[in-house]
């Protein structure tokens, strides 16, 4: 939608932890931008953010948040933006953002003004009651979730405007087009190193391969969170990994830009031995990055990624993900790589950014003043 002065509709995007090209926040916004058509964005990010690859067209950057003060700063910013009257989008929203917007508004937020995208939602009975109360106070919030389970929980709380948006990233190709067919190159553990993402299981696999004197190439990306931190368990596993003598291992602890990240996937078998309890209703964008590159996915039964693999045949699903089972599945995936790659590329056509983002983009174009 083009406004009367000829400019694109401006959306205020609040992403306090976005500080570099590395990580989910930057890739998520870049994907949204590529699928957003006539929208323009003002992006509120970490005060020290360094994002040289930020899209320039229809984007302005506000370095606003301090790490230690980002929550009170977010409340004040929400108050300011609500008064300004433009649409507000929170791409990685949580309970705090719902509560802060509610408090900052001081009353019902008008329709088409606040859009929140949830990548995870897990709460006990007390939080569920609080959420239901907030839904009564703020009936016009427009919410989006990455999985049917998240969408269902938000609807059960009483929110009337809740839609599913699959978290498909642009993965280095502006249009999100799938890659071509390439031969197997390596096993791949991509993204931030975290305990809930089964990083310890990846380390166990490398230990097993080293003990066997195997020659399977494996690339492990071991970046920290938004601020370069690791949980205690992951820090110990990373120290263990650094001490292995396994020549086919490539360990990437440096910051990888968007193009470098995308280049990890062609020719890969993507290992996602994530904790089922954490990912039963939470989706991983890495899965879609892998599919678009034609990289088969190995994951664990009970996860959202397993559901996609079952539906598409683009990989393997394990009942348990110990080192022996991961190795067995990896060798099988390599053996049938051409067939699995074909299924992955076919699956990628289901998850193109333009179609995946469509529900959110349509509402942003319709909302605001």
Protein backbone atom coordinates (compact mmCIF):
# COMPACT_ATOMS: atom_id res chain seq x y z
CA UNK A 1 0.00 0.00 0.00
CA UNK A 2 1.36 3.42 -0.96
CA UNK A 3 0.38 6.38 1.19
CA UNK A 4 -0.94 9.62 -0.23
CA UNK A 5 2.49 11.26 -0.04
CA UNK A 6 3.92 8.48 -2.23
CA UNK A 7 5.81 6.69 0.55
CA UNK A 8 5.43 3.05 1.56
CA UNK A 9 3.60 2.21 4.78
CA UNK A 10 6.07 2.47 7.67
CA UNK A 11 6.17 -0.36 10.21
CA UNK A 12 8.03 0.05 13.51
CA UNK A 13 9.96 -3.20 14.09
CA UNK A 14 11.18 -3.78 17.66
CA UNK A 15 14.08 -6.28 17.89
CA UNK A 16 16.12 -5.40 21.03
CA UNK A 17 18.66 -8.25 20.76
CA UNK A 18 19.53 -7.78 17.09
CA UNK A 19 23.20 -6.83 17.21
CA UNK A 20 24.86 -8.42 14.15
CA UNK A 21 24.28 -10.42 10.98
CA UNK A 22 24.78 -13.60 12.95
CA UNK A 23 21.80 -15.33 14.43
CA UNK A 24 18.10 -15.68 13.92
CA UNK A 25 16.94 -12.07 14.36
CA UNK A 26 18.81 -10.61 11.40
CA UNK A 27 17.97 -13.49 9.06
CA UNK A 28 14.31 -13.33 10.08
CA UNK A 29 14.04 -9.63 9.29
CA UNK A 30 15.92 -10.01 6.01
CA UNK A 31 13.46 -12.71 4.96
CA UNK A 32 10.46 -10.58 5.92
CA UNK A 33 11.92 -7.63 4.02
CA UNK A 34 12.38 -9.76 0.90
CA UNK A 35 8.71 -10.75 0.99
CA UNK A 36 7.22 -7.45 2.16
CA UNK A 37 6.40 -5.70 -1.10
CA UNK A 38 5.38 -2.11 -0.43
CA UNK A 39 6.13 -1.98 3.29
CA UNK A 40 8.95 0.10 4.72
CA UNK A 41 10.52 -0.47 8.12
CA UNK A 42 12.14 1.38 10.99
CA UNK A 43 14.14 -1.23 12.87
CA UNK A 44 14.84 -0.65 16.58
CA UNK A 45 17.89 -2.72 17.58
CA UNK A 46 20.78 -3.04 20.04
CA UNK A 47 22.73 0.19 20.54
CA UNK A 48 25.98 -1.43 19.38
CA UNK A 49 24.48 -3.26 16.40
CA UNK A 50 26.81 -3.90 13.44
CA UNK A 51 24.79 -5.06 10.46
CA UNK A 52 26.65 -4.12 7.25
CA UNK A 53 24.45 -6.38 5.13
CA UNK A 54 21.21 -4.76 6.28
CA UNK A 55 18.89 -4.12 3.30
CA UNK A 56 18.98 -0.42 2.44
CA UNK A 57 15.77 -0.18 0.47
CA UNK A 58 12.80 0.82 2.65
CA UNK A 59 14.74 0.31 5.91
CA UNK A 60 16.03 2.74 8.52
CA UNK A 61 18.00 1.64 11.57
CA UNK A 62 17.60 2.96 15.12
CA UNK A 63 20.34 1.79 17.50
CA UNK A 64 18.37 2.12 20.70
CA UNK A 65 18.68 -0.69 23.25
CA UNK A 66 21.28 -1.23 25.97
CA UNK A 67 21.71 -4.84 27.00
CA UNK A 68 21.16 -4.23 30.71
CA UNK A 69 18.21 -1.85 30.30
CA UNK A 70 16.42 -3.27 27.29
CA UNK A 71 13.21 -4.24 29.13
CA UNK A 72 12.45 -0.80 30.62
CA UNK A 73 13.62 0.75 27.35
CA UNK A 74 11.20 -1.48 25.47
CA UNK A 75 8.32 -0.35 27.68
CA UNK A 76 9.09 3.30 27.05
CA UNK A 77 9.51 2.68 23.34
CA UNK A 78 6.19 0.85 23.11
CA UNK A 79 4.53 3.79 24.89
CA UNK A 80 6.10 6.23 22.45
CA UNK A 81 5.28 4.19 19.35
CA UNK A 82 1.68 3.54 20.39
CA UNK A 83 1.16 7.28 20.67
CA UNK A 84 2.74 7.83 17.24
CA UNK A 85 0.06 5.73 15.58
CA UNK A 86 2.08 3.52 13.24
CA UNK A 87 1.94 -0.31 13.16
CA UNK A 88 4.30 -2.01 15.63
CA UNK A 89 5.79 -5.42 14.81
CA UNK A 90 7.65 -7.57 17.35
CA UNK A 91 9.19 -10.42 15.26
CA UNK A 92 10.46 -12.48 18.21
CA UNK A 93 7.82 -11.79 20.83
CA UNK A 94 7.35 -13.25 24.29
CA UNK A 95 5.19 -12.77 27.36
CA UNK A 96 7.16 -9.67 28.31
CA UNK A 97 6.21 -7.93 25.06
CA UNK A 98 2.52 -8.69 25.52
CA UNK A 99 2.59 -7.38 29.09
CA UNK A 100 4.69 -4.32 28.23
CA UNK A 101 2.41 -3.30 25.37
CA UNK A 102 -0.63 -3.75 27.60
CA UNK A 103 0.87 -1.57 30.34
CA UNK A 104 2.22 1.02 27.90
CA UNK A 105 -1.15 1.41 26.21
CA UNK A 106 -3.12 2.16 29.37
CA UNK A 107 -6.24 0.87 27.62
CA UNK A 108 -7.30 -1.15 24.58
CA UNK A 109 -4.85 -0.92 21.69
CA UNK A 110 -6.76 -0.02 18.50
CA UNK A 111 -7.10 -2.52 15.66
CA UNK A 112 -4.19 -2.85 13.23
CA UNK A 113 -1.62 -1.36 15.58
CA UNK A 114 0.30 -4.18 17.31
CA UNK A 115 1.57 -7.39 15.67
CA UNK A 116 3.49 -10.01 17.65
CA UNK A 117 5.16 -13.14 16.24
CA UNK A 118 5.81 -16.00 18.68
CA UNK A 119 8.43 -18.65 17.98
CA UNK A 120 7.78 -20.42 21.27
CA UNK A 121 5.12 -20.37 23.94
CA UNK A 122 5.10 -22.54 26.98
CA UNK A 123 3.37 -21.51 30.17
CA UNK A 124 1.81 -22.98 33.29
CA UNK A 125 -1.71 -22.52 34.62
CA UNK A 126 -0.97 -19.18 36.30
CA UNK A 127 0.48 -17.69 33.10
CA UNK A 128 -2.43 -19.09 31.09
CA UNK A 129 -4.88 -17.23 33.36
CA UNK A 130 -2.88 -14.02 33.01
CA UNK A 131 -2.84 -14.46 29.24
CA UNK A 132 -6.62 -14.89 29.16
CA UNK A 133 -7.01 -11.68 31.15
CA UNK A 134 -4.73 -9.83 28.75
CA UNK A 135 -6.75 -11.17 25.80
CA UNK A 136 -9.88 -9.63 27.32
CA UNK A 137 -8.15 -6.27 27.80
CA UNK A 138 -6.49 -6.27 24.37
CA UNK A 139 -8.92 -7.92 21.93
CA UNK A 140 -7.39 -6.23 18.86
CA UNK A 141 -3.83 -7.55 19.13
CA UNK A 142 -2.79 -9.49 16.03
CA UNK A 143 -0.71 -12.53 16.94
CA UNK A 144 1.21 -15.07 14.86
CA UNK A 145 2.86 -18.37 15.77
CA UNK A 146 5.38 -20.67 14.14
CA UNK A 147 3.44 -23.87 14.85
CA UNK A 148 -0.18 -25.02 15.09
CA UNK A 149 0.37 -25.72 18.79
CA UNK A 150 1.38 -22.11 19.53
CA UNK A 151 -1.51 -20.78 17.46
CA UNK A 152 -3.92 -23.06 19.32
CA UNK A 153 -2.74 -21.93 22.75
CA UNK A 154 -3.07 -18.25 21.86
CA UNK A 155 -6.56 -18.82 20.49
CA UNK A 156 -7.56 -20.79 23.57
CA UNK A 157 -6.58 -17.78 25.68
CA UNK A 158 -9.22 -15.75 23.85
CA UNK A 159 -7.29 -13.82 21.19
CA UNK A 160 -9.42 -13.47 18.08
CA UNK A 161 -6.70 -12.63 15.55
CA UNK A 162 -4.11 -15.45 15.50
CA UNK A 163 -2.50 -16.91 12.37
CA UNK A 164 0.24 -19.38 11.48
CA UNK A 165 3.45 -18.06 9.88
CA UNK A 166 6.14 -20.61 9.05
CA UNK A 167 9.58 -19.17 9.91
CA UNK A 168 11.16 -19.43 6.46
CA UNK A 169 14.36 -17.44 6.01
CA UNK A 170 15.83 -16.05 2.81
CA UNK A 171 19.04 -18.10 3.21
CA UNK A 172 21.23 -15.99 0.97
CA UNK A 173 18.91 -15.88 -2.02
CA UNK A 174 16.75 -12.73 -2.04
CA UNK A 175 13.79 -14.49 -3.55
CA UNK A 176 14.17 -17.54 -1.38
CA UNK A 177 14.51 -19.83 -4.40
CA UNK A 178 15.64 -23.38 -3.81
CA UNK A 179 19.21 -24.34 -4.68
CA UNK A 180 20.21 -26.88 -7.32
CA UNK A 181 21.49 -30.41 -6.84
CA UNK A 182 25.04 -30.84 -5.58
CA UNK A 183 26.98 -33.87 -4.27
CA UNK A 184 27.40 -34.62 -0.55
CA UNK A 185 30.06 -32.48 1.17
CA UNK A 186 29.67 -32.78 4.94
CA UNK A 187 27.51 -33.41 7.96
CA UNK A 188 26.36 -30.08 9.35
CA UNK A 189 25.35 -28.80 12.76
CA UNK A 190 24.24 -25.23 12.07
CA UNK A 191 23.19 -22.28 14.20
CA UNK A 192 23.76 -21.31 17.80
CA UNK A 193 25.26 -23.96 20.08
CA UNK A 194 22.74 -24.71 22.82
CA UNK A 195 21.88 -27.62 25.07
CA UNK A 196 18.24 -27.72 23.95
CA UNK A 197 19.45 -28.02 20.35
CA UNK A 198 21.36 -31.19 21.19
CA UNK A 199 24.84 -29.69 20.96
CA UNK A 200 26.13 -32.29 23.42
CA UNK A 201 24.87 -35.05 21.11
CA UNK A 202 26.81 -33.51 18.22
CA UNK A 203 29.95 -33.50 20.37
CA UNK A 204 29.32 -37.15 21.31
CA UNK A 205 29.08 -37.98 17.60
CA UNK A 206 32.40 -36.30 16.85
CA UNK A 207 33.96 -38.19 19.79
CA UNK A 208 32.66 -41.47 18.39
CA UNK A 209 33.98 -40.72 14.89
CA UNK A 210 37.38 -39.75 16.32
CA UNK A 211 37.60 -42.96 18.36
CA UNK A 212 36.81 -45.01 15.26
CA UNK A 213 39.35 -43.21 13.12
CA UNK A 214 36.49 -42.43 10.72
CA UNK A 215 36.67 -40.06 7.77
CA UNK A 216 33.18 -38.53 7.77
CA UNK A 217 33.51 -34.75 7.22
CA UNK A 218 31.50 -32.69 9.71
CA UNK A 219 31.15 -28.93 10.09
CA UNK A 220 29.98 -27.64 13.46
CA UNK A 221 28.88 -24.04 13.86
CA UNK A 222 29.34 -23.07 17.51
CA UNK A 223 28.18 -19.50 17.89
CA UNK A 224 26.77 -18.19 21.15
CA UNK A 225 23.55 -16.32 21.81
CA UNK A 226 22.89 -12.69 20.84
CA UNK A 227 25.72 -11.60 23.15
CA UNK A 228 28.13 -14.47 22.44
CA UNK A 229 27.25 -16.38 25.64
CA UNK A 230 26.81 -20.13 26.18
CA UNK A 231 24.83 -22.01 28.78
CA UNK A 232 27.01 -23.89 31.28
CA UNK A 233 26.41 -27.31 29.75
CA UNK A 234 27.17 -26.12 26.23
CA UNK A 235 30.33 -24.32 27.33
CA UNK A 236 31.61 -27.62 28.76
CA UNK A 237 30.68 -29.51 25.60
CA UNK A 238 32.41 -26.90 23.43
CA UNK A 239 35.59 -27.20 25.52
CA UNK A 240 35.41 -30.95 25.03
CA UNK A 241 34.98 -30.56 21.27
CA UNK A 242 38.01 -28.27 20.98
CA UNK A 243 40.19 -31.01 22.47
CA UNK A 244 39.30 -33.72 19.96
CA UNK A 245 41.80 -34.77 17.35
CA UNK A 246 39.56 -35.39 14.35
CA UNK A 247 40.94 -34.08 11.07
CA UNK A 248 37.63 -34.06 9.12
CA UNK A 249 36.08 -31.71 11.72
CA UNK A 250 35.62 -28.05 10.81
CA UNK A 251 34.67 -25.99 13.87
CA UNK A 252 33.29 -22.51 13.11
CA UNK A 253 33.34 -20.33 16.21
CA UNK A 254 33.65 -17.08 14.26
CA UNK A 255 30.73 -14.87 13.28
CA UNK A 256 29.29 -16.04 9.97
CA UNK A 257 27.49 -13.48 7.81
CA UNK A 258 24.29 -14.28 5.94
CA UNK A 259 25.98 -15.37 2.72
CA UNK A 260 28.50 -17.52 4.59
CA UNK A 261 25.73 -19.13 6.61
CA UNK A 262 23.76 -19.97 3.47
CA UNK A 263 26.87 -21.53 1.92
CA UNK A 264 27.04 -24.11 4.72
CA UNK A 265 23.98 -26.00 3.51
CA UNK A 266 24.42 -27.12 -0.14
CA UNK A 267 25.81 -30.66 -0.09
CA UNK A 268 25.11 -31.08 3.63
CA UNK A 269 23.24 -33.55 5.78
CA UNK A 270 21.71 -31.30 8.43
CA UNK A 271 21.85 -32.74 11.96
CA UNK A 272 19.10 -31.51 14.30
CA UNK A 273 19.12 -33.83 17.34
CA UNK A 274 17.03 -31.33 19.32
CA UNK A 275 15.31 -32.02 22.64
CA UNK A 276 11.78 -33.20 21.88
CA UNK A 277 10.36 -31.58 25.02
CA UNK A 278 11.61 -28.16 23.88
CA UNK A 279 10.77 -28.48 20.19
CA UNK A 280 7.46 -30.32 20.29
CA UNK A 281 5.66 -27.06 19.47
CA UNK A 282 8.58 -24.84 18.42
CA UNK A 283 9.89 -24.71 14.88
CA UNK A 284 13.50 -24.29 13.77
CA UNK A 285 14.19 -22.05 10.79
CA UNK A 286 17.36 -24.09 10.18
CA UNK A 287 15.13 -26.89 8.90
CA UNK A 288 13.81 -24.68 6.11
CA UNK A 289 17.28 -23.35 5.28
CA UNK A 290 18.38 -26.96 4.87
CA UNK A 291 15.44 -27.93 2.67
CA UNK A 292 15.95 -24.95 0.37
CA UNK A 293 19.56 -26.02 -0.14
CA UNK A 294 18.54 -29.62 -0.78
CA UNK A 295 20.12 -30.79 2.48
CA UNK A 296 18.35 -33.78 4.09
CA UNK A 297 17.47 -33.37 7.76
CA UNK A 298 18.14 -35.85 10.58
CA UNK A 299 16.06 -35.07 13.65
CA UNK A 300 14.28 -36.63 16.64
CA UNK A 301 10.78 -38.06 16.98
CA UNK A 302 8.38 -35.74 18.78
CA UNK A 303 9.78 -32.48 17.39
CA UNK A 304 8.10 -30.13 14.94
CA UNK A 305 10.94 -30.83 12.52
CA UNK A 306 10.14 -34.54 12.66
CA UNK A 307 6.61 -33.77 11.50
CA UNK A 308 7.97 -32.00 8.42
CA UNK A 309 10.37 -34.86 7.65
CA UNK A 310 7.56 -37.39 7.98
CA UNK A 311 5.37 -35.33 5.64
CA UNK A 312 8.03 -34.75 2.98
CA UNK A 313 10.41 -37.71 3.24
CA UNK A 314 13.30 -35.22 3.18
CA UNK A 315 15.44 -36.90 5.80
CA UNK A 316 15.31 -39.29 8.73
CA UNK A 317 13.63 -39.27 12.14
CA UNK A 318 15.26 -41.05 15.11
CA UNK A 319 13.55 -42.48 18.18
CA UNK A 320 16.68 -41.56 20.12
CA UNK A 321 19.63 -39.47 19.06
CA UNK A 322 22.67 -40.95 20.73
CA UNK A 323 25.98 -40.95 18.88
CA UNK A 324 25.55 -44.45 17.45
CA UNK A 325 22.09 -43.68 16.03
CA UNK A 326 23.25 -40.35 14.61
CA UNK A 327 26.15 -42.03 12.88
CA UNK A 328 23.93 -44.79 11.50
CA UNK A 329 21.42 -42.28 10.14
CA UNK A 330 24.14 -40.03 8.73
CA UNK A 331 25.75 -42.89 6.81
CA UNK A 332 22.34 -43.93 5.46
CA UNK A 333 21.58 -40.36 4.39
CA UNK A 334 24.89 -40.21 2.53
CA UNK A 335 24.19 -43.54 0.86
CA UNK A 336 20.80 -42.31 -0.42
CA UNK A 337 21.83 -38.69 -0.77
CA UNK A 338 20.55 -38.12 -4.31
CA UNK A 339 17.09 -39.41 -3.44
CA UNK A 340 16.84 -37.46 -0.19
CA UNK A 341 18.17 -34.30 -1.81
CA UNK A 342 15.44 -34.51 -4.45
CA UNK A 343 12.80 -34.78 -1.72
CA UNK A 344 14.32 -31.86 0.19
CA UNK A 345 14.24 -29.62 -2.86
CA UNK A 346 10.64 -30.62 -3.53
CA UNK A 347 9.74 -29.85 0.09
CA UNK A 348 11.36 -26.42 -0.19
CA UNK A 349 8.77 -25.36 -2.74
CA UNK A 350 6.14 -25.58 0.02
CA UNK A 351 8.01 -23.10 2.18
CA UNK A 352 8.86 -20.08 0.08
CA UNK A 353 9.20 -16.77 1.97
CA UNK A 354 6.57 -14.92 -0.06
CA UNK A 355 3.84 -17.47 0.64
CA UNK A 356 4.93 -18.18 4.22
CA UNK A 357 5.00 -14.51 5.23
CA UNK A 358 1.77 -13.71 3.36
CA UNK A 359 -0.62 -13.69 6.38
CA UNK A 360 1.56 -11.23 8.31
CA UNK A 361 2.39 -9.01 5.34
CA UNK A 362 -1.29 -8.78 4.38
CA UNK A 363 -2.26 -7.66 7.88
CA UNK A 364 0.58 -5.13 8.08
CA UNK A 365 -0.51 -3.64 4.78
CA UNK A 366 -4.07 -3.38 6.02
CA UNK A 367 -3.28 -2.11 9.52
CA UNK A 368 -2.16 1.13 11.08
CA UNK A 369 -2.83 4.70 10.10
